[in-house]
C-alpha atoms as a PDB file:
ATOM      1  CA  MET A   1     140.030 -84.449 258.416  1.00  0.00           C
ATOM      2  CA  ALA A   2     137.726 -87.369 258.367  1.00  0.00           C
ATOM      3  CA  PHE A   3     134.610 -85.953 256.317  1.00  0.00           C
ATOM      4  CA  THR A   4     131.598 -87.636 255.822  1.00  0.00           C
ATOM      5  CA  GLY A   5     129.272 -88.413 253.132  1.00  0.00           C
ATOM      6  CA  LYS A   6     131.160 -89.869 249.101  1.00  0.00           C
ATOM      7  CA  GLY A   7     134.820 -90.647 248.990  1.00  0.00           C
ATOM      8  CA  ILE A   8     137.323 -87.683 247.795  1.00  0.00           C
ATOM      9  CA  VAL A   9     138.511 -90.343 245.751  1.00  0.00           C
ATOM     10  CA  GLU A  10     135.238 -91.053 244.463  1.00  0.00           C
ATOM     11  CA  ARG A  11     134.546 -87.643 243.805  1.00  0.00           C
ATOM     12  CA  LEU A  12     137.781 -86.539 242.173  1.00  0.00           C
ATOM     13  CA  ARG A  13     137.213 -89.773 239.391  1.00  0.00           C
ATOM     14  CA  PHE A  14     134.156 -87.390 237.731  1.00  0.00           C
ATOM     15  CA  LYS A  15     135.271 -84.192 238.806  1.00  0.00           C
ATOM     16  CA  GLN A  16     135.900 -83.790 235.327  1.00  0.00           C
ATOM     17  CA  ILE A  17     132.580 -84.380 234.529  1.00  0.00           C
ATOM     18  CA  ILE A  18     130.893 -82.831 237.233  1.00  0.00           C
ATOM     19  CA  ILE A  19     132.987 -79.523 236.324  1.00  0.00           C
ATOM     20  CA  LEU A  20     131.657 -79.821 232.559  1.00  0.00           C
ATOM     21  CA  LEU A  21     128.123 -80.297 233.983  1.00  0.00           C
ATOM     22  CA  ALA A  22     128.304 -77.638 236.661  1.00  0.00           C
ATOM     23  CA  GLY A  23     129.918 -75.571 233.632  1.00  0.00           C
ATOM     24  CA  LEU A  24     126.829 -76.288 230.851  1.00  0.00           C
ATOM     25  CA  ALA A  25     124.695 -75.614 233.764  1.00  0.00           C
ATOM     26  CA  VAL A  26     125.702 -72.172 234.396  1.00  0.00           C
ATOM     27  CA  LEU A  27     125.491 -71.225 230.567  1.00  0.00           C
ATOM     28  CA  LEU A  28     122.164 -72.403 230.415  1.00  0.00           C
ATOM     29  CA  PHE A  29     121.135 -70.566 233.341  1.00  0.00           C
ATOM     30  CA  PHE A  30     122.618 -67.169 232.459  1.00  0.00           C
ATOM     31  CA  LEU A  31     121.234 -67.807 228.548  1.00  0.00           C
ATOM     32  CA  ASN A  32     117.417 -68.414 230.191  1.00  0.00           C
ATOM     33  CA  SER A  33     117.881 -65.106 232.372  1.00  0.00           C
ATOM     34  CA  ALA A  34     118.779 -63.542 229.863  1.00  0.00           C
ATOM     35  CA  GLY A  35     121.626 -61.594 231.862  1.00  0.00           C
ATOM     36  CA  SER A  36     119.430 -60.591 234.939  1.00  0.00           C
ATOM     37  CA  LEU A  37     121.551 -61.314 237.505  1.00  0.00           C
ATOM     38  CA  LYS A  38     124.281 -59.393 236.045  1.00  0.00           C
ATOM     39  CA  ASN A  39     122.002 -56.466 235.641  1.00  0.00           C
ATOM     40  CA  LYS A  40     120.736 -56.745 239.394  1.00  0.00           C
ATOM     41  CA  ASN A  41     120.557 -54.304 241.835  1.00  0.00           C
ATOM     42  CA  PHE A  42     123.415 -55.323 244.293  1.00  0.00           C
ATOM     43  CA  ALA A  43     121.755 -52.911 247.674  1.00  0.00           C
ATOM     44  CA  PHE A  44     123.689 -52.823 250.755  1.00  0.00           C
ATOM     45  CA  ALA A  45     121.667 -52.080 253.731  1.00  0.00           C
ATOM     46  CA  ASP A  46     123.656 -50.896 257.005  1.00  0.00           C
ATOM     47  CA  THR A  47     125.433 -53.915 257.601  1.00  0.00           C
ATOM     48  CA  SER A  48     129.362 -55.723 258.189  1.00  0.00           C
ATOM     49  CA  ASN A  49     130.759 -56.958 255.240  1.00  0.00           C
ATOM     50  CA  LEU A  50     132.956 -60.669 254.698  1.00  0.00           C
ATOM     51  CA  SER A  51     135.732 -60.391 252.637  1.00  0.00           C
ATOM     52  CA  GLY A  52     138.468 -62.663 250.667  1.00  0.00           C
ATOM     53  CA  TYR A  53     137.543 -66.447 249.351  1.00  0.00           C
ATOM     54  CA  ALA A  54     136.013 -70.073 250.175  1.00  0.00           C
ATOM     55  CA  TRP A  55     137.839 -72.799 248.226  1.00  0.00           C
ATOM     56  CA  SER A  56     137.106 -75.683 246.159  1.00  0.00           C
ATOM     57  CA  ASP A  57     138.582 -78.386 244.743  1.00  0.00           C
ATOM     58  CA  ASN A  58     136.025 -79.071 242.676  1.00  0.00           C
ATOM     59  CA  ILE A  59     134.789 -75.634 241.345  1.00  0.00           C
ATOM     60  CA  GLY A  60     138.189 -73.813 242.180  1.00  0.00           C
ATOM     61  CA  TRP A  61     138.148 -70.102 243.543  1.00  0.00           C
ATOM     62  CA  VAL A  62     135.059 -68.552 245.446  1.00  0.00           C
ATOM     63  CA  SER A  63     134.408 -64.743 245.922  1.00  0.00           C
ATOM     64  CA  LEU A  64     132.871 -63.148 249.288  1.00  0.00           C
ATOM     65  CA  SER A  65     132.616 -59.294 247.744  1.00  0.00           C
ATOM     66  CA  GLY A  66     133.436 -57.505 244.577  1.00  0.00           C
ATOM     67  CA  SER A  67     133.217 -54.333 243.223  1.00  0.00           C
ATOM     68  CA  ASN A  68     129.175 -54.740 243.631  1.00  0.00           C
ATOM     69  CA  TYR A  69     128.337 -57.412 245.450  1.00  0.00           C
ATOM     70  CA  GLY A  70     129.044 -59.416 248.555  1.00  0.00           C
ATOM     71  CA  LEU A  71     127.955 -61.415 251.072  1.00  0.00           C
ATOM     72  CA  THR A  72     127.157 -59.167 254.244  1.00  0.00           C
ATOM     73  CA  MET A  73     125.889 -58.940 257.978  1.00  0.00           C
ATOM     74  CA  ASP A  74     122.767 -57.792 259.482  1.00  0.00           C
ATOM     75  CA  THR A  75     123.588 -56.578 263.135  1.00  0.00           C
ATOM     76  CA  ASN A  76     121.307 -59.946 263.722  1.00  0.00           C
ATOM     77  CA  GLY A  77     123.880 -62.222 262.718  1.00  0.00           C
ATOM     78  CA  LYS A  78     121.624 -62.867 259.289  1.00  0.00           C
ATOM     79  CA  LEU A  79     123.137 -63.239 256.050  1.00  0.00           C
ATOM     80  CA  SER A  80     122.112 -61.806 252.672  1.00  0.00           C
ATOM     81  CA  GLY A  81     123.610 -60.872 249.399  1.00  0.00           C
ATOM     82  CA  TYR A  82     125.873 -62.536 246.635  1.00  0.00           C
ATOM     83  CA  ALA A  83     129.220 -64.495 246.308  1.00  0.00           C
ATOM     84  CA  TRP A  84     130.389 -65.287 242.865  1.00  0.00           C
ATOM     85  CA  SER A  85     132.243 -68.391 241.434  1.00  0.00           C
ATOM     86  CA  ASP A  86     134.048 -67.870 238.133  1.00  0.00           C
ATOM     87  CA  ASN A  87     132.608 -71.703 237.322  1.00  0.00           C
ATOM     88  CA  ILE A  88     128.950 -72.241 238.933  1.00  0.00           C
ATOM     89  CA  GLY A  89     128.190 -68.359 239.109  1.00  0.00           C
ATOM     90  CA  TRP A  90     126.228 -66.540 241.741  1.00  0.00           C
ATOM     91  CA  ILE A  91     125.446 -68.186 245.089  1.00  0.00           C
ATOM     92  CA  THR A  92     122.895 -66.242 247.490  1.00  0.00           C
ATOM     93  CA  ALA A  93     122.444 -66.006 251.141  1.00  0.00           C
ATOM     94  CA  ASN A  94     119.420 -63.685 250.693  1.00  0.00           C
ATOM     95  CA  GLU A  95     116.403 -65.577 252.934  1.00  0.00           C
ATOM     96  CA  SER A  96     113.821 -65.114 249.997  1.00  0.00           C
ATOM     97  CA  GLU A  97     115.882 -67.624 247.322  1.00  0.00           C
ATOM     98  CA  LEU A  98     116.809 -70.218 250.356  1.00  0.00           C
ATOM     99  CA  SER A  99     113.009 -71.918 251.219  1.00  0.00           C
ATOM    100  CA  GLY A 100     112.844 -75.310 250.257  1.00  0.00           C
ATOM    101  CA  CYS A 101     116.360 -76.481 252.053  1.00  0.00           C
ATOM    102  CA  PRO A 102     117.094 -79.832 252.378  1.00  0.00           C
ATOM    103  CA  ALA A 103     117.356 -78.828 256.327  1.00  0.00           C
ATOM    104  CA  ASN A 104     115.945 -76.176 258.472  1.00  0.00           C
ATOM    105  CA  PRO A 105     117.093 -73.671 259.435  1.00  0.00           C
ATOM    106  CA  CYS A 106     117.279 -72.502 255.710  1.00  0.00           C
ATOM    107  CA  ARG A 107     118.611 -68.713 256.239  1.00  0.00           C
ATOM    108  CA  ALA A 108     122.698 -68.267 255.889  1.00  0.00           C
ATOM    109  CA  LYS A 109     123.471 -66.734 259.686  1.00  0.00           C
ATOM    110  CA  PHE A 110     125.988 -66.155 262.342  1.00  0.00           C
ATOM    111  CA  ASN A 111     124.637 -67.438 265.537  1.00  0.00           C
ATOM    112  CA  GLY A 112     127.555 -66.177 268.031  1.00  0.00           C
ATOM    113  CA  ASN A 113     130.664 -67.159 265.922  1.00  0.00           C
ATOM    114  CA  ALA A 114     129.328 -69.924 264.056  1.00  0.00           C
ATOM    115  CA  LEU A 115     127.549 -70.034 260.448  1.00  0.00           C
ATOM    116  CA  THR A 116     124.403 -72.629 260.635  1.00  0.00           C
ATOM    117  CA  GLY A 117     122.262 -72.712 257.716  1.00  0.00           C
ATOM    118  CA  TRP A 118     122.244 -72.871 253.810  1.00  0.00           C
ATOM    119  CA  LEU A 119     123.853 -70.926 251.044  1.00  0.00           C
ATOM    120  CA  ARG A 120     123.001 -72.260 247.224  1.00  0.00           C
ATOM    121  CA  ALA A 121     124.356 -71.632 244.285  1.00  0.00           C
ATOM    122  CA  LEU A 122     121.692 -69.958 241.095  1.00  0.00           C
ATOM    123  CA  SER A 123     123.129 -72.062 238.342  1.00  0.00           C
ATOM    124  CA  TYR A 124     121.146 -75.566 239.798  1.00  0.00           C
ATOM    125  CA  GLY A 125     119.474 -77.778 237.359  1.00  0.00           C
ATOM    126  CA  GLY A 126     120.248 -80.805 235.956  1.00  0.00           C
ATOM    127  CA  GLY A 127     119.380 -82.753 238.541  1.00  0.00           C
ATOM    128  CA  TRP A 128     121.694 -81.002 240.502  1.00  0.00           C
ATOM    129  CA  ASP A 129     120.252 -78.849 243.716  1.00  0.00           C
ATOM    130  CA  GLY A 130     122.791 -75.802 244.588  1.00  0.00           C
ATOM    131  CA  TRP A 131     122.745 -76.166 247.707  1.00  0.00           C
ATOM    132  CA  ILE A 132     125.543 -75.527 250.479  1.00  0.00           C
ATOM    133  CA  SER A 133     125.393 -76.480 253.881  1.00  0.00           C
ATOM    134  CA  LEU A 134     127.461 -74.646 256.094  1.00  0.00           C
ATOM    135  CA  SER A 135     127.051 -76.680 259.224  1.00  0.00           C
ATOM    136  CA  GLY A 136     126.574 -80.280 259.981  1.00  0.00           C
ATOM    137  CA  SER A 137     128.095 -83.258 261.684  1.00  0.00           C
ATOM    138  CA  GLY A 138     131.266 -83.105 261.681  1.00  0.00           C
ATOM    139  CA  TYR A 139     131.491 -80.077 259.791  1.00  0.00           C
ATOM    140  CA  GLY A 140     131.390 -75.854 260.107  1.00  0.00           C
ATOM    141  CA  VAL A 141     132.426 -72.487 259.486  1.00  0.00           C
ATOM    142  CA  THR A 142     133.538 -70.445 262.657  1.00  0.00           C
ATOM    143  CA  GLN A 143     135.294 -67.184 262.937  1.00  0.00           C
ATOM    144  CA  ASP A 144     137.111 -65.838 265.721  1.00  0.00           C
ATOM    145  CA  VAL A 145     137.615 -62.833 267.529  1.00  0.00           C
ATOM    146  CA  ASN A 146     140.060 -61.394 265.471  1.00  0.00           C
ATOM    147  CA  GLY A 147     137.608 -62.160 262.293  1.00  0.00           C
ATOM    148  CA  THR A 148     138.985 -64.345 260.678  1.00  0.00           C
ATOM    149  CA  LEU A 149     137.468 -67.834 259.617  1.00  0.00           C
ATOM    150  CA  SER A 150     137.922 -71.028 259.334  1.00  0.00           C
ATOM    151  CA  GLY A 151     136.711 -74.913 258.388  1.00  0.00           C
ATOM    152  CA  TYR A 152     134.645 -76.415 255.884  1.00  0.00           C
ATOM    153  CA  ALA A 153     130.673 -75.862 254.602  1.00  0.00           C
ATOM    154  CA  TRP A 154     129.754 -79.112 252.377  1.00  0.00           C
ATOM    155  CA  GLY A 155     128.728 -78.359 248.618  1.00  0.00           C
ATOM    156  CA  SER A 156     127.663 -82.620 247.370  1.00  0.00           C
ATOM    157  CA  ASP A 157     129.443 -83.545 244.271  1.00  0.00           C
ATOM    158  CA  VAL A 158     129.323 -80.366 242.469  1.00  0.00           C
ATOM    159  CA  VAL A 159     130.979 -78.163 244.871  1.00  0.00           C
ATOM    160  CA  GLY A 160     132.480 -80.372 247.532  1.00  0.00           C
ATOM    161  CA  TRP A 161     134.419 -79.120 250.719  1.00  0.00           C
ATOM    162  CA  LEU A 162     134.370 -75.464 250.457  1.00  0.00           C
ATOM    163  CA  ASP A 163     137.180 -73.978 252.603  1.00  0.00           C
ATOM    164  CA  PHE A 164     136.805 -70.828 254.327  1.00  0.00           C
ATOM    165  CA  SER A 165     140.080 -71.038 255.915  1.00  0.00           C
ATOM    166  CA  LEU A 166     141.693 -67.125 253.458  1.00  0.00           C
ATOM    167  CA  ALA A 167     137.812 -65.828 254.157  1.00  0.00           C
ATOM    168  CA  SER A 168     136.718 -63.108 256.772  1.00  0.00           C
ATOM    169  CA  GLY A 169     133.960 -61.814 258.831  1.00  0.00           C
ATOM    170  CA  PRO A 170     132.784 -58.736 259.750  1.00  0.00           C
ATOM    171  CA  SER A 171     134.774 -57.805 263.329  1.00  0.00           C
ATOM    172  CA  CYS A 172     133.930 -55.262 265.659  1.00  0.00           C
ATOM    173  CA  THR A 173     135.221 -53.521 268.805  1.00  0.00           C
ATOM    174  CA  PRO A 174     132.351 -55.018 271.339  1.00  0.00           C
ATOM    175  CA  VAL A 175     130.845 -51.816 272.703  1.00  0.00           C
ATOM    176  CA  TYR A 176     127.475 -50.640 274.413  1.00  0.00           C
ATOM    177  CA  SER A 177     124.477 -48.632 273.109  1.00  0.00           C
ATOM    178  CA  CYS A 178     121.093 -46.695 273.465  1.00  0.00           C
ATOM    179  CA  SER A 179     117.696 -47.960 271.900  1.00  0.00           C
ATOM    180  CA  GLY A 180     115.832 -44.688 272.347  1.00  0.00           C
ATOM    181  CA  THR A 181     116.559 -43.778 276.524  1.00  0.00           C
ATOM    182  CA  GLN A 182     115.557 -47.383 278.295  1.00  0.00           C
ATOM    183  CA  THR A 183     117.061 -50.193 276.436  1.00  0.00           C
ATOM    184  CA  ILE A 184     120.518 -50.937 276.191  1.00  0.00           C
ATOM    185  CA  LEU A 185     121.856 -53.098 273.580  1.00  0.00           C
ATOM    186  CA  TYR A 186     125.414 -54.453 273.347  1.00  0.00           C
ATOM    187  CA  THR A 187     127.006 -55.610 269.992  1.00  0.00           C
ATOM    188  CA  ASP A 188     129.854 -57.956 270.523  1.00  0.00           C
ATOM    189  CA  SER A 189     133.224 -58.982 268.392  1.00  0.00           C
ATOM    190  CA  PHE A 190     131.317 -60.535 265.781  1.00  0.00           C
ATOM    191  CA  CYS A 191     128.993 -57.638 265.648  1.00  0.00           C
ATOM    192  CA  GLN A 192     125.776 -58.735 266.970  1.00  0.00           C
ATOM    193  CA  THR A 193     123.999 -56.643 268.361  1.00  0.00           C
ATOM    194  CA  THR A 194     121.377 -58.087 271.091  1.00  0.00           C
ATOM    195  CA  THR A 195     119.330 -56.510 273.656  1.00  0.00           C
ATOM    196  CA  TYR A 196     121.378 -56.149 276.852  1.00  0.00           C
ATOM    197  CA  ALA A 197     118.621 -54.963 279.455  1.00  0.00           C
ATOM    198  CA  THR A 198     116.103 -52.204 279.552  1.00  0.00           C
ATOM    199  CA  CYS A 199     115.497 -49.561 282.050  1.00  0.00           C
ATOM    200  CA  THR A 200     113.066 -48.694 283.879  1.00  0.00           C
ATOM    201  CA  ALA A 201     112.642 -44.535 285.050  1.00  0.00           C
ATOM    202  CA  PRO A 202     113.723 -42.520 286.039  1.00  0.00           C
ATOM    203  CA  ALA A 203     116.749 -45.030 284.989  1.00  0.00           C
ATOM    204  CA  PHE A 204     118.304 -43.875 281.752  1.00  0.00           C
ATOM    205  CA  CYS A 205     120.553 -46.073 279.398  1.00  0.00           C
ATOM    206  CA  SER A 206     123.897 -43.851 277.856  1.00  0.00           C
ATOM    207  CA  SER A 207     125.965 -44.824 275.736  1.00  0.00           C
ATOM    208  CA  GLY A 208     129.146 -46.583 276.346  1.00  0.00           C
ATOM    209  CA  SER A 209     127.672 -47.706 279.704  1.00  0.00           C
ATOM    210  CA  SER A 210     126.329 -51.494 280.581  1.00  0.00           C
ATOM    211  CA  ALA A 211     124.406 -50.071 283.501  1.00  0.00           C
ATOM    212  CA  CYS A 212     120.981 -48.513 284.044  1.00  0.00           C
ATOM    213  CA  LEU A 213     122.084 -45.118 285.148  1.00  0.00           C
ATOM    214  CA  TYR A 214     120.347 -42.513 287.038  1.00  0.00           C
ATOM    215  CA  PRO A 215     119.793 -38.612 286.979  1.00  0.00           C
ATOM    216  CA  GLN A 216     121.337 -36.186 289.699  1.00  0.00           C
ATOM    217  CA  PRO A 217     118.653 -35.233 292.722  1.00  0.00           C
ATOM    218  CA  SER A 218     117.087 -32.017 291.696  1.00  0.00           C
ATOM    219  CA  PHE A 219     114.582 -29.140 292.715  1.00  0.00           C
ATOM    220  CA  ILE A 220     111.012 -28.632 292.104  1.00  0.00           C
ATOM    221  CA  SER A 221     110.629 -25.188 292.074  1.00  0.00           C
ATOM    222  CA  SER A 222     106.551 -23.401 292.052  1.00  0.00           C
ATOM    223  CA  VAL A 223     105.528 -20.071 292.313  1.00  0.00           C
ATOM    224  CA  GLY A 224     107.200 -18.095 295.116  1.00  0.00           C
ATOM    225  CA  PHE A 225     108.576 -21.512 296.075  1.00  0.00           C
ATOM    226  CA  THR A 226     112.823 -22.601 295.010  1.00  0.00           C
ATOM    227  CA  GLY A 227     111.575 -26.446 295.826  1.00  0.00           C
ATOM    228  CA  HIS A 228     115.041 -26.033 298.537  1.00  0.00           C
ATOM    229  CA  LEU A 229     114.651 -25.520 302.111  1.00  0.00           C
ATOM    230  CA  GLN A 230     112.490 -23.101 302.972  1.00  0.00           C
ATOM    231  CA  LEU A 231     111.015 -21.331 305.999  1.00  0.00           C
ATOM    232  CA  LEU A 232     109.031 -19.210 306.064  1.00  0.00           C
ATOM    233  CA  PRO A 233     109.207 -16.660 307.527  1.00  0.00           C
ATOM    234  CA  SER A 234     112.787 -17.352 308.836  1.00  0.00           C
ATOM    235  CA  LEU A 235     112.195 -14.827 311.054  1.00  0.00           C
ATOM    236  CA  LEU A 236     109.490 -14.622 313.953  1.00  0.00           C
ATOM    237  CA  SER A 237     108.620 -14.084 317.490  1.00  0.00           C
ATOM    238  CA  SER A 238     108.872 -16.471 320.286  1.00  0.00           C
ATOM    239  CA  GLY A 239     106.164 -19.185 320.221  1.00  0.00           C
ATOM    240  CA  ASP A 240     104.991 -18.478 317.061  1.00  0.00           C
ATOM    241  CA  THR A 241     105.583 -21.001 313.954  1.00  0.00           C
ATOM    242  CA  THR A 242     107.169 -21.596 311.055  1.00  0.00           C
ATOM    243  CA  GLN A 243     105.747 -23.632 307.670  1.00  0.00           C
ATOM    244  CA  VAL A 244     108.727 -25.727 306.322  1.00  0.00           C
ATOM    245  CA  HIS A 245     109.201 -26.074 302.459  1.00  0.00           C
ATOM    246  CA  TRP A 246     110.606 -28.393 300.282  1.00  0.00           C
ATOM    247  CA  GLU A 247     109.874 -30.419 297.148  1.00  0.00           C
ATOM    248  CA  VAL A 248     112.722 -33.267 295.226  1.00  0.00           C
ATOM    249  CA  SER A 249     112.659 -35.048 292.535  1.00  0.00           C
ATOM    250  CA  ASN A 250     114.985 -38.490 291.385  1.00  0.00           C
ATOM    251  CA  VAL A 251     115.288 -39.755 295.223  1.00  0.00           C
ATOM    252  CA  THR A 252     114.537 -42.404 296.688  1.00  0.00           C
ATOM    253  CA  SER A 253     113.303 -41.051 300.343  1.00  0.00           C
ATOM    254  CA  CYS A 254     113.664 -36.761 302.110  1.00  0.00           C
ATOM    255  CA  THR A 255     114.001 -36.574 305.840  1.00  0.00           C
ATOM    256  CA  VAL A 256     113.697 -33.128 307.247  1.00  0.00           C
ATOM    257  CA  THR A 257     114.483 -32.795 311.085  1.00  0.00           C
ATOM    258  CA  GLY A 258     114.747 -29.768 313.630  1.00  0.00           C
ATOM    259  CA  THR A 259     116.727 -29.347 316.182  1.00  0.00           C
ATOM    260  CA  ASN A 260     113.308 -28.512 318.316  1.00  0.00           C
ATOM    261  CA  GLY A 261     112.092 -32.353 317.426  1.00  0.00           C
ATOM    262  CA  ASP A 262     109.984 -31.885 314.737  1.00  0.00           C
ATOM    263  CA  SER A 263     110.151 -34.094 311.747  1.00  0.00           C
ATOM    264  CA  TRP A 264     108.516 -35.031 308.893  1.00  0.00           C
ATOM    265  CA  THR A 265     109.214 -37.455 305.432  1.00  0.00           C
ATOM    266  CA  GLY A 266     108.595 -37.689 301.870  1.00  0.00           C
ATOM    267  CA  LEU A 267     109.376 -35.473 298.845  1.00  0.00           C
ATOM    268  CA  SER A 268     107.616 -32.925 299.491  1.00  0.00           C
ATOM    269  CA  SER A 269     105.791 -30.935 301.990  1.00  0.00           C
ATOM    270  CA  GLY A 270     103.059 -30.607 299.958  1.00  0.00           C
ATOM    271  CA  ALA A 271     101.520 -27.364 298.173  1.00  0.00           C
ATOM    272  CA  SER A 272     101.030 -25.678 302.129  1.00  0.00           C
ATOM    273  CA  GLY A 273     104.426 -26.767 303.890  1.00  0.00           C
ATOM    274  CA  GLN A 274     104.569 -28.386 307.178  1.00  0.00           C
ATOM    275  CA  THR A 275     103.774 -26.250 309.924  1.00  0.00           C
ATOM    276  CA  SER A 276     107.035 -26.363 312.779  1.00  0.00           C
ATOM    277  CA  SER A 277     105.751 -26.712 316.560  1.00  0.00           C
ATOM    278  CA  ALA A 278     105.929 -23.277 318.762  1.00  0.00           C
ATOM    279  CA  ILE A 279     109.402 -21.756 318.128  1.00  0.00           C
ATOM    280  CA  THR A 280     110.975 -20.370 321.137  1.00  0.00           C
ATOM    281  CA  GLY A 281     114.178 -20.441 320.369  1.00  0.00           C
ATOM    282  CA  GLN A 282     117.323 -20.663 317.328  1.00  0.00           C
ATOM    283  CA  THR A 283     116.085 -23.850 315.261  1.00  0.00           C
ATOM    284  CA  THR A 284     117.707 -25.428 312.882  1.00  0.00           C
ATOM    285  CA  TYR A 285     115.888 -27.803 309.892  1.00  0.00           C
ATOM    286  CA  THR A 286     117.843 -29.983 308.023  1.00  0.00           C
ATOM    287  CA  LEU A 287     117.139 -31.553 304.719  1.00  0.00           C
ATOM    288  CA  THR A 288     118.472 -35.016 303.741  1.00  0.00           C
ATOM    289  CA  CYS A 289     117.477 -37.145 301.117  1.00  0.00           C
ATOM    290  CA  ALA A 290     118.688 -40.879 299.758  1.00  0.00           C
ATOM    291  CA  ALA A 291     119.913 -40.594 296.123  1.00  0.00           C
ATOM    292  CA  TYR A 292     119.234 -43.341 293.584  1.00  0.00           C
ATOM    293  CA  ALA A 293     121.697 -46.042 293.600  1.00  0.00           C
ATOM    294  CA  GLY A 294     125.368 -45.436 291.825  1.00  0.00           C
ATOM    295  CA  VAL A 295     124.844 -41.663 292.010  1.00  0.00           C
ATOM    296  CA  THR A 296     127.089 -39.045 293.484  1.00  0.00           C
ATOM    297  CA  PRO A 297     126.675 -37.765 295.731  1.00  0.00           C
ATOM    298  CA  ALA A 298     125.186 -40.336 298.018  1.00  0.00           C
ATOM    299  CA  THR A 299     122.492 -38.227 299.920  1.00  0.00           C
ATOM    300  CA  LEU A 300     121.817 -34.333 299.493  1.00  0.00           C
ATOM    301  CA  SER A 301     121.127 -32.286 302.359  1.00  0.00           C
ATOM    302  CA  GLU A 302     120.397 -28.499 302.817  1.00  0.00           C
ATOM    303  CA  ILE A 303     120.358 -26.640 306.376  1.00  0.00           C
ATOM    304  CA  GLN A 304     118.160 -23.535 306.971  1.00  0.00           C
ATOM    305  CA  THR A 305     117.610 -21.870 310.000  1.00  0.00           C
ATOM    306  CA  VAL A 306     114.921 -19.972 312.137  1.00  0.00           C
ATOM    307  CA  ASN A 307     115.325 -17.003 314.642  1.00  0.00           C
ATOM    308  CA  ILE A 308     113.619 -15.114 317.469  1.00  0.00           C
ATOM    309  CA  ILE A 309     112.951 -11.358 316.611  1.00  0.00           C
ATOM    310  CA  PRO A 310     115.123 -10.216 319.662  1.00  0.00           C
ATOM    311  CA  ILE A 311     113.012  -8.356 322.259  1.00  0.00           C
ATOM    312  CA  PHE A 312     114.776  -4.800 323.167  1.00  0.00           C
ATOM    313  CA  GLU A 313     114.182  -3.311 326.842  1.00  0.00           C
ATOM    314  CA  GLU A 314     114.750   0.115 327.041  1.00  0.00           C
ATOM    315  CA  LEU A 315     116.330   0.851 330.553  1.00  0.00           C
END
């Protein structure tokens, strides 16, 4: 692997001096801070943890997690927390401690499967800035779909190349979920969550589905009416009329037709109903409504019949 920056031979030549200086810097840092980092409250949010170790030929192992510390990633891919090195102490990923980095963006973050931004050793000083670059020209740290990390970060002369091949990042089973009733979220295999789609009412989000779903057709009842197709009266004298009632929701269209040629469209007949033409014989009315896309069944249909009162003649 070809690396940029100072040559490896030159770094190894000064390795012992560098580690000694780094050790002195760590000692001064802890004396000046009076042990404040050891007493730091490492509170974790609802995030995913990085684990394992990174290796540097200069400073040795860097632990990415422990019993009361660790690097974590939120659902937007942003890192926070601390890693630990026995030689240079705490290494921060907290955005508040990364301002003034050599090049933007400063915050440590997974963009897809690649780490970007910076880490910083908190023992910096004495001419050493403590910065560790997570990506650059010809190098970087990436994660595969199983969560395994690979590649290198660069920490200048003190840290040198930091190999992440024995570390793991967060790994998730891709899933669709909901934020409220209208927003579909997607969490990918790298545990990063993004907005996948926004549903427009009456469509709604259902956990596990990547598509906006629509409700089943329903009937709206009111005083004296069921919302279903009703003929009032349904038994009448020849030549009389009937009022045709219906009111349906969660459909795109409705049509009512009669075998006598009557026809109306709309989701509702209105409060007073639609007046039929003169009924002179048995007449059948059919209500047909189209459901929203993806709803099963695709159509709703009801049938009602109005009959003529028979006339009895005495023989």
